[in-house]
C-alpha atoms as a PDB file:
ATOM      1  CA  MET A   1      14.118  -3.127  26.245  1.00  0.00           C
ATOM      2  CA  PRO A   2      16.327  -1.223  23.647  1.00  0.00           C
ATOM      3  CA  ARG A   3      16.210   2.293  23.284  1.00  0.00           C
ATOM      4  CA  PRO A   4      14.290   3.427  19.600  1.00  0.00           C
ATOM      5  CA  GLY A   5      17.010   4.585  17.187  1.00  0.00           C
ATOM      6  CA  LEU A   6      16.442   7.295  14.511  1.00  0.00           C
ATOM      7  CA  ALA A   7      15.008   4.468  12.020  1.00  0.00           C
ATOM      8  CA  ASP A   8      12.551   3.767  15.104  1.00  0.00           C
ATOM      9  CA  ALA A   9      11.261   7.313  15.633  1.00  0.00           C
ATOM     10  CA  ILE A  10      10.638   7.752  11.540  1.00  0.00           C
ATOM     11  CA  THR A  11       8.614   4.521  11.854  1.00  0.00           C
ATOM     12  CA  ILE A  12       6.247   5.880  14.637  1.00  0.00           C
ATOM     13  CA  GLY A  13       6.202   9.068  12.624  1.00  0.00           C
ATOM     14  CA  ASN A  14       4.201   6.774   9.871  1.00  0.00           C
ATOM     15  CA  ALA A  15       1.808   5.255  12.593  1.00  0.00           C
ATOM     16  CA  LEU A  16       1.237   8.572  14.228  1.00  0.00           C
ATOM     17  CA  SER A  17       0.080   9.702   9.910  1.00  0.00           C
ATOM     18  CA  GLY A  18      -2.345   6.759  10.778  1.00  0.00           C
ATOM     19  CA  ALA A  19      -3.319   8.006  13.972  1.00  0.00           C
ATOM     20  CA  ALA A  20      -4.027  11.689  12.414  1.00  0.00           C
ATOM     21  CA  ALA A  21      -5.902   9.843   9.305  1.00  0.00           C
ATOM     22  CA  LEU A  22      -7.961   7.826  11.795  1.00  0.00           C
ATOM     23  CA  GLY A  23      -8.646  11.003  13.774  1.00  0.00           C
ATOM     24  CA  VAL A  24      -9.671  12.946  10.381  1.00  0.00           C
ATOM     25  CA  VAL A  25     -11.980   9.926   9.754  1.00  0.00           C
ATOM     26  CA  ILE A  26     -13.600   9.754  12.896  1.00  0.00           C
ATOM     27  CA  LEU A  27     -14.443  13.482  13.183  1.00  0.00           C
ATOM     28  CA  MET A  28     -15.240  14.748   9.546  1.00  0.00           C
ATOM     29  CA  PRO A  29     -16.850  17.845  10.404  1.00  0.00           C
ATOM     30  CA  TRP A  30     -17.236  18.956   7.216  1.00  0.00           C
ATOM     31  CA  ALA A  31     -18.417  15.981   5.389  1.00  0.00           C
ATOM     32  CA  GLU A  32     -21.853  17.001   5.020  1.00  0.00           C
ATOM     33  CA  ASP A  33     -21.729  17.088   1.295  1.00  0.00           C
ATOM     34  CA  ALA A  34     -20.115  15.106  -1.500  1.00  0.00           C
ATOM     35  CA  ALA A  35     -17.577  18.129  -2.108  1.00  0.00           C
ATOM     36  CA  GLY A  36     -17.227  17.780   1.929  1.00  0.00           C
ATOM     37  CA  GLU A  37     -16.306  13.813   1.578  1.00  0.00           C
ATOM     38  CA  THR A  38     -13.976  14.204  -1.071  1.00  0.00           C
ATOM     39  CA  ALA A  39     -12.302  16.728   0.753  1.00  0.00           C
ATOM     40  CA  THR A  40     -11.944  14.905   4.089  1.00  0.00           C
ATOM     41  CA  LEU A  41     -10.635  11.655   1.919  1.00  0.00           C
ATOM     42  CA  ARG A  42      -8.005  13.747   0.235  1.00  0.00           C
ATOM     43  CA  ILE A  43      -6.528  15.318   3.772  1.00  0.00           C
ATOM     44  CA  VAL A  44      -6.371  11.560   4.393  1.00  0.00           C
ATOM     45  CA  ALA A  45      -4.956  10.579   1.321  1.00  0.00           C
ATOM     46  CA  LEU A  46      -2.184  13.424   2.091  1.00  0.00           C
ATOM     47  CA  LEU A  47      -1.476  11.879   5.828  1.00  0.00           C
ATOM     48  CA  VAL A  48      -1.221   8.171   4.360  1.00  0.00           C
ATOM     49  CA  LEU A  49       1.118   9.735   1.403  1.00  0.00           C
ATOM     50  CA  MET A  50       2.996  11.123   4.396  1.00  0.00           C
ATOM     51  CA  GLY A  51       3.232   7.354   6.154  1.00  0.00           C
ATOM     52  CA  VAL A  52       4.716   6.138   2.760  1.00  0.00           C
ATOM     53  CA  VAL A  53       7.445   8.332   3.039  1.00  0.00           C
ATOM     54  CA  PHE A  54       8.137   7.581   6.500  1.00  0.00           C
ATOM     55  CA  ASP A  55       8.060   4.133   5.564  1.00  0.00           C
ATOM     56  CA  VAL A  56      10.622   4.466   2.558  1.00  0.00           C
ATOM     57  CA  CYS A  57      12.613   6.704   5.101  1.00  0.00           C
ATOM     58  CA  ASP A  58      12.494   4.113   8.045  1.00  0.00           C
ATOM     59  CA  GLY A  59      14.242   1.385   5.866  1.00  0.00           C
ATOM     60  CA  ALA A  60      16.919   3.667   4.072  1.00  0.00           C
ATOM     61  CA  VAL A  61      17.947   4.755   7.576  1.00  0.00           C
ATOM     62  CA  ALA A  62      18.307   1.745   9.306  1.00  0.00           C
ATOM     63  CA  ARG A  63      20.566   0.202   6.528  1.00  0.00           C
ATOM     64  CA  ALA A  64      22.335   3.623   6.778  1.00  0.00           C
ATOM     65  CA  ARG A  65      22.902   3.698  10.190  1.00  0.00           C
ATOM     66  CA  GLY A  66      21.803   0.522  11.973  1.00  0.00           C
ATOM     67  CA  GLY A  67      18.722  -0.246  13.025  1.00  0.00           C
ATOM     68  CA  THR A  68      17.403  -2.070  16.396  1.00  0.00           C
ATOM     69  CA  PRO A  69      15.561  -5.081  17.297  1.00  0.00           C
ATOM     70  CA  LEU A  70      12.393  -2.819  17.837  1.00  0.00           C
ATOM     71  CA  GLY A  71      12.356  -1.699  14.034  1.00  0.00           C
ATOM     72  CA  GLN A  72      10.668  -4.747  12.274  1.00  0.00           C
ATOM     73  CA  HIS A  73       7.899  -4.781  14.951  1.00  0.00           C
ATOM     74  CA  LEU A  74       7.375  -1.100  15.052  1.00  0.00           C
ATOM     75  CA  ASP A  75       7.410  -0.902  11.212  1.00  0.00           C
ATOM     76  CA  SER A  76       4.701  -4.058  10.930  1.00  0.00           C
ATOM     77  CA  LEU A  77       2.799  -2.113  13.675  1.00  0.00           C
ATOM     78  CA  ALA A  78       2.491   0.842  11.878  1.00  0.00           C
ATOM     79  CA  ASP A  79       1.657  -0.520   8.678  1.00  0.00           C
ATOM     80  CA  VAL A  80      -1.553  -1.988   9.958  1.00  0.00           C
ATOM     81  CA  ALA A  81      -2.636   1.400  11.823  1.00  0.00           C
ATOM     82  CA  THR A  82      -1.919   3.474   8.796  1.00  0.00           C
ATOM     83  CA  PHE A  83      -2.115   1.301   5.336  1.00  0.00           C
ATOM     84  CA  GLY A  84      -4.824  -0.894   6.900  1.00  0.00           C
ATOM     85  CA  VAL A  85      -7.088   0.502   9.652  1.00  0.00           C
ATOM     86  CA  ALA A  86      -7.058   4.006   8.662  1.00  0.00           C
ATOM     87  CA  THR A  87      -6.829   3.637   4.650  1.00  0.00           C
ATOM     88  CA  ALA A  88     -10.087   1.095   5.198  1.00  0.00           C
ATOM     89  CA  LEU A  89     -12.252   3.130   7.171  1.00  0.00           C
ATOM     90  CA  ALA A  90     -11.840   6.013   5.327  1.00  0.00           C
ATOM     91  CA  VAL A  91     -12.642   4.609   1.902  1.00  0.00           C
ATOM     92  CA  GLY A  92     -15.279   2.462   3.191  1.00  0.00           C
ATOM     93  CA  GLY A  93     -16.977   4.915   5.429  1.00  0.00           C
ATOM     94  CA  LEU A  94     -17.107   7.566   3.431  1.00  0.00           C
ATOM     95  CA  ALA A  95     -18.524   5.425   0.536  1.00  0.00           C
ATOM     96  CA  ALA A  96     -21.463   3.986   3.061  1.00  0.00           C
ATOM     97  CA  ARG A  97     -22.369   7.343   4.191  1.00  0.00           C
ATOM     98  CA  HIS A  98     -24.816   7.591   1.109  1.00  0.00           C
ATOM     99  CA  ALA A  99     -25.240   3.475   0.592  1.00  0.00           C
ATOM    100  CA  ALA A 100     -28.008   1.509   0.192  1.00  0.00           C
ATOM    101  CA  GLY A 101     -28.364  -0.894   3.119  1.00  0.00           C
ATOM    102  CA  TRP A 102     -26.852  -4.193   1.000  1.00  0.00           C
ATOM    103  CA  GLU A 103     -24.438  -1.830  -0.289  1.00  0.00           C
ATOM    104  CA  ALA A 104     -23.065  -0.666   3.449  1.00  0.00           C
ATOM    105  CA  VAL A 105     -22.825  -4.543   4.078  1.00  0.00           C
ATOM    106  CA  ALA A 106     -20.783  -4.626   1.166  1.00  0.00           C
ATOM    107  CA  LEU A 107     -18.717  -2.125   2.321  1.00  0.00           C
ATOM    108  CA  GLY A 108     -18.274  -3.660   5.866  1.00  0.00           C
ATOM    109  CA  VAL A 109     -17.269  -6.816   4.291  1.00  0.00           C
ATOM    110  CA  SER A 110     -14.569  -5.707   2.109  1.00  0.00           C
ATOM    111  CA  VAL A 111     -13.549  -3.539   4.827  1.00  0.00           C
ATOM    112  CA  LEU A 112     -12.949  -6.450   7.121  1.00  0.00           C
ATOM    113  CA  ALA A 113     -11.377  -8.365   4.279  1.00  0.00           C
ATOM    114  CA  TYR A 114      -8.896  -5.754   3.564  1.00  0.00           C
ATOM    115  CA  VAL A 115      -7.947  -5.414   7.206  1.00  0.00           C
ATOM    116  CA  THR A 116      -7.515  -9.360   7.763  1.00  0.00           C
ATOM    117  CA  ALA A 117      -5.905  -9.274   3.962  1.00  0.00           C
ATOM    118  CA  MET A 118      -3.387  -6.688   5.724  1.00  0.00           C
ATOM    119  CA  LEU A 119      -2.438  -8.543   8.932  1.00  0.00           C
ATOM    120  CA  VAL A 120      -2.386 -11.667   7.233  1.00  0.00           C
ATOM    121  CA  ARG A 121       0.545 -10.344   4.465  1.00  0.00           C
ATOM    122  CA  LEU A 122       2.273  -8.461   7.200  1.00  0.00           C
ATOM    123  CA  ALA A 123       2.750 -11.393   9.430  1.00  0.00           C
ATOM    124  CA  ASP A 124       3.572 -13.748   6.549  1.00  0.00           C
ATOM    125  CA  PHE A 125       6.215 -11.019   5.848  1.00  0.00           C
ATOM    126  CA  ASP A 126       8.093 -10.925   9.412  1.00  0.00           C
ATOM    127  CA  ALA A 127       7.758 -14.865   9.922  1.00  0.00           C
ATOM    128  CA  GLY A 128      10.279 -15.252   6.970  1.00  0.00           C
ATOM    129  CA  ARG A 129       9.614 -13.457   3.937  1.00  0.00           C
ATOM    130  CA  ASN A 130      11.328 -10.188   4.881  1.00  0.00           C
ATOM    131  CA  ARG A 131      14.549 -10.964   3.214  1.00  0.00           C
ATOM    132  CA  ASP A 132      13.173 -12.034  -0.279  1.00  0.00           C
ATOM    133  CA  PRO A 133      14.382 -10.655  -3.163  1.00  0.00           C
ATOM    134  CA  SER A 134      10.899  -9.625  -4.354  1.00  0.00           C
ATOM    135  CA  PHE A 135       7.716  -9.097  -2.501  1.00  0.00           C
ATOM    136  CA  LEU A 136       4.800 -11.798  -2.470  1.00  0.00           C
ATOM    137  CA  GLY A 137       1.491 -10.320  -2.982  1.00  0.00           C
ATOM    138  CA  MET A 138       0.936  -6.766  -2.779  1.00  0.00           C
ATOM    139  CA  PRO A 139       3.478  -4.656  -0.287  1.00  0.00           C
ATOM    140  CA  SER A 140       1.024  -2.511   2.153  1.00  0.00           C
ATOM    141  CA  PRO A 141       1.998   0.980   0.981  1.00  0.00           C
ATOM    142  CA  LEU A 142       0.546   0.180  -2.983  1.00  0.00           C
ATOM    143  CA  ALA A 143      -2.801  -1.786  -1.449  1.00  0.00           C
ATOM    144  CA  ALA A 144      -3.429   1.732   0.401  1.00  0.00           C
ATOM    145  CA  VAL A 145      -2.761   4.412  -2.415  1.00  0.00           C
ATOM    146  CA  THR A 146      -4.578   1.775  -4.396  1.00  0.00           C
ATOM    147  CA  ALA A 147      -7.445   1.722  -2.139  1.00  0.00           C
ATOM    148  CA  LEU A 148      -7.558   5.428  -1.246  1.00  0.00           C
ATOM    149  CA  SER A 149      -7.457   5.684  -5.933  1.00  0.00           C
ATOM    150  CA  VAL A 150     -10.882   3.706  -5.607  1.00  0.00           C
ATOM    151  CA  GLY A 151     -12.784   6.037  -2.881  1.00  0.00           C
ATOM    152  CA  LEU A 152     -10.803   8.979  -4.403  1.00  0.00           C
ATOM    153  CA  LEU A 153     -12.884   8.205  -8.314  1.00  0.00           C
ATOM    154  CA  ALA A 154     -16.288   8.359  -6.046  1.00  0.00           C
ATOM    155  CA  LEU A 155     -17.425   5.228  -7.297  1.00  0.00           C
ATOM    156  CA  PRO A 156     -20.769   3.518  -6.616  1.00  0.00           C
ATOM    157  CA  ALA A 157     -20.755   2.558  -3.051  1.00  0.00           C
ATOM    158  CA  TRP A 158     -20.743  -1.842  -4.401  1.00  0.00           C
ATOM    159  CA  LEU A 159     -18.206  -1.032  -7.174  1.00  0.00           C
ATOM    160  CA  THR A 160     -16.136   0.710  -4.214  1.00  0.00           C
ATOM    161  CA  ALA A 161     -16.360  -2.760  -2.252  1.00  0.00           C
ATOM    162  CA  VAL A 162     -15.328  -4.693  -5.056  1.00  0.00           C
ATOM    163  CA  GLY A 163     -12.668  -2.268  -5.701  1.00  0.00           C
ATOM    164  CA  ILE A 164     -11.342  -2.699  -1.884  1.00  0.00           C
ATOM    165  CA  THR A 165     -12.319  -6.519  -1.873  1.00  0.00           C
ATOM    166  CA  VAL A 166      -9.746  -7.287  -5.081  1.00  0.00           C
ATOM    167  CA  VAL A 167      -6.978  -5.159  -3.430  1.00  0.00           C
ATOM    168  CA  ALA A 168      -7.198  -7.248  -0.508  1.00  0.00           C
ATOM    169  CA  TRP A 169      -7.049 -10.518  -2.753  1.00  0.00           C
ATOM    170  CA  LEU A 170      -4.154  -8.697  -4.403  1.00  0.00           C
ATOM    171  CA  MET A 171      -2.048  -8.643  -0.594  1.00  0.00           C
ATOM    172  CA  VAL A 172      -2.394 -12.510   0.078  1.00  0.00           C
ATOM    173  CA  SER A 173      -2.585 -13.483  -4.050  1.00  0.00           C
ATOM    174  CA  GLY A 174       1.240 -14.962  -5.062  1.00  0.00           C
ATOM    175  CA  ILE A 175       1.604 -12.218  -7.472  1.00  0.00           C
ATOM    176  CA  ARG A 176       5.120 -10.590  -7.105  1.00  0.00           C
ATOM    177  CA  TYR A 177       5.859  -7.227  -7.099  1.00  0.00           C
ATOM    178  CA  PRO A 178       9.318  -5.767  -7.068  1.00  0.00           C
ATOM    179  CA  ARG A 179      11.270  -3.877  -4.291  1.00  0.00           C
ATOM    180  CA  SER A 180      11.675  -0.415  -4.352  1.00  0.00           C
ATOM    181  CA  ARG A 181      15.228   0.314  -6.126  1.00  0.00           C
ATOM    182  CA  GLY A 182      16.227   1.761  -8.618  1.00  0.00           C
ATOM    183  CA  VAL A 183      14.284   2.434 -11.562  1.00  0.00           C
ATOM    184  CA  GLY A 184      11.529   1.272  -9.332  1.00  0.00           C
ATOM    185  CA  LEU A 185      12.046   3.520  -6.811  1.00  0.00           C
ATOM    186  CA  MET A 186      12.156   6.242  -9.408  1.00  0.00           C
ATOM    187  CA  ALA A 187       8.420   5.542 -10.495  1.00  0.00           C
ATOM    188  CA  GLU A 188       7.377   5.569  -7.045  1.00  0.00           C
ATOM    189  CA  ALA A 189       8.915   8.908  -6.430  1.00  0.00           C
ATOM    190  CA  ALA A 190       7.331  10.241 -10.044  1.00  0.00           C
ATOM    191  CA  GLY A 191       3.971   9.033  -8.784  1.00  0.00           C
ATOM    192  CA  LEU A 192       3.987  10.280  -5.161  1.00  0.00           C
ATOM    193  CA  ALA A 193       4.690  13.881  -6.800  1.00  0.00           C
ATOM    194  CA  ILE A 194       1.541  12.968  -9.395  1.00  0.00           C
ATOM    195  CA  ALA A 195      -0.784  12.102  -6.600  1.00  0.00           C
ATOM    196  CA  VAL A 196       0.146  14.967  -4.185  1.00  0.00           C
ATOM    197  CA  ALA A 197      -0.389  17.323  -7.423  1.00  0.00           C
ATOM    198  CA  GLY A 198      -3.597  15.768  -8.048  1.00  0.00           C
ATOM    199  CA  ILE A 199      -4.749  15.832  -3.715  1.00  0.00           C
ATOM    200  CA  VAL A 200      -3.702  19.667  -3.531  1.00  0.00           C
ATOM    201  CA  GLY A 201      -6.198  20.628  -6.629  1.00  0.00           C
ATOM    202  CA  LEU A 202      -2.900  21.227  -9.330  1.00  0.00           C
ATOM    203  CA  ILE A 203      -4.800  18.631 -11.297  1.00  0.00           C
ATOM    204  CA  ASP A 204      -7.797  16.526 -11.744  1.00  0.00           C
ATOM    205  CA  VAL A 205      -7.851  14.251  -8.770  1.00  0.00           C
ATOM    206  CA  ARG A 206      -9.026  11.481 -11.367  1.00  0.00           C
ATOM    207  CA  ILE A 207      -6.531  11.406 -13.121  1.00  0.00           C
ATOM    208  CA  PRO A 208      -3.704  10.016 -11.037  1.00  0.00           C
ATOM    209  CA  ALA A 209      -6.171   7.562  -8.968  1.00  0.00           C
ATOM    210  CA  SER A 210      -6.379   6.142 -12.294  1.00  0.00           C
ATOM    211  CA  LEU A 211      -2.939   6.107 -12.805  1.00  0.00           C
ATOM    212  CA  THR A 212      -2.632   4.377  -9.592  1.00  0.00           C
ATOM    213  CA  ILE A 213      -5.034   1.731 -10.218  1.00  0.00           C
ATOM    214  CA  LEU A 214      -3.495   1.217 -12.982  1.00  0.00           C
ATOM    215  CA  GLY A 215       0.276   1.016 -11.865  1.00  0.00           C
ATOM    216  CA  CYS A 216      -0.325  -0.994  -9.251  1.00  0.00           C
ATOM    217  CA  VAL A 217      -2.611  -3.474 -10.325  1.00  0.00           C
ATOM    218  CA  VAL A 218      -1.594  -4.087 -13.810  1.00  0.00           C
ATOM    219  CA  VAL A 219       1.920  -2.562 -14.698  1.00  0.00           C
ATOM    220  CA  ALA A 220       3.947  -3.174 -11.432  1.00  0.00           C
ATOM    221  CA  PRO A 221       3.374  -6.618 -11.544  1.00  0.00           C
ATOM    222  CA  LEU A 222       3.197  -7.377 -15.136  1.00  0.00           C
ATOM    223  CA  THR A 223       6.227  -5.434 -15.796  1.00  0.00           C
ATOM    224  CA  PHE A 224       7.920  -7.504 -13.029  1.00  0.00           C
ATOM    225  CA  ALA A 225       7.025 -11.077 -14.401  1.00  0.00           C
ATOM    226  CA  LEU A 226       8.385 -10.243 -17.382  1.00  0.00           C
ATOM    227  CA  VAL A 227      11.830  -8.857 -16.604  1.00  0.00           C
ATOM    228  CA  THR A 228      11.825 -11.940 -14.244  1.00  0.00           C
ATOM    229  CA  ARG A 229      11.209 -14.222 -16.988  1.00  0.00           C
ATOM    230  CA  ARG A 230      13.525 -12.914 -19.722  1.00  0.00           C
ATOM    231  CA  ARG A 231      16.376 -13.257 -16.956  1.00  0.00           C
ATOM    232  CA  ARG A 232      15.322 -16.386 -16.446  1.00  0.00           C
ATOM    233  CA  ARG A 233      15.883 -17.296 -19.938  1.00  0.00           C
ATOM    234  CA  ALA A 234      19.193 -15.589 -20.320  1.00  0.00           C
ATOM    235  CA  GLU A 235      20.758 -17.380 -17.612  1.00  0.00           C
ATOM    236  CA  PRO A 236      23.231 -19.924 -19.029  1.00  0.00           C
ATOM    237  CA  VAL A 237      21.816 -23.855 -18.613  1.00  0.00           C
ATOM    238  CA  ASP A 238      24.681 -26.120 -17.122  1.00  0.00           C
ATOM    239  CA  ILE A 239      24.166 -29.119 -18.817  1.00  0.00           C
ATOM    240  CA  PRO A 240      26.004 -32.055 -17.226  1.00  0.00           C
ATOM    241  CA  VAL A 241      28.613 -34.239 -19.407  1.00  0.00           C
ATOM    242  CA  GLU A 242      28.302 -38.186 -18.796  1.00  0.00           C
ATOM    243  CA  ARG A 243      31.900 -39.212 -18.405  1.00  0.00           C
ATOM    244  CA  LEU A 244      32.772 -41.836 -20.691  1.00  0.00           C
ATOM    245  CA  GLU A 245      34.347 -45.021 -19.523  1.00  0.00           C
ATOM    246  CA  PRO A 246      37.747 -45.518 -20.303  1.00  0.00           C
END
């Protein structure tokens, strides 16, 4: 077995962020009222955002210094832990504390659908789409921050279940998302800064939550589709010239 490299260690940091978030969800010693539940979800959101940073950095380090055969497998396992299980249980579990019977069932189904979609999406990516120029379906980090944003809006339980289910569908849909490069990476960095400002209380947390949902669900895929369509129209079309008989 090859020894883990620096990029692998950063990936493990992503998984540990998810494990810490899951620990917060299980303990929840201060989540006795709405304010405590919001505080719990904010801590989970900070830990998941740390996982997002690790997820971005491990790829950059692997490209700059080289990776190991463990990298791809560790990355998917870490994504499942942080962006899948921990995120889904945090949003669904907190919303279910005060949900009616059928709403709790709906939340449970949505959480299972979310985790299933995350597993299918990551398996599909590892099976052959990791070299595609774009992502097919919503990437797992964007899915996690979108689901957390739904939770931070403190919506009714049934509406939270709908939001989680929509995110699950987006992960396995045929909608294309751009990779984190250039302008897209700068936009993600700005969004991360705004999200942290909302989580720590510098601004109303509902502002970055609403912007995140709008950006991940509508703006990012729509902008990418329009740019791709414009590029295809601008590409020259080779028209075969028929050879004339002498």
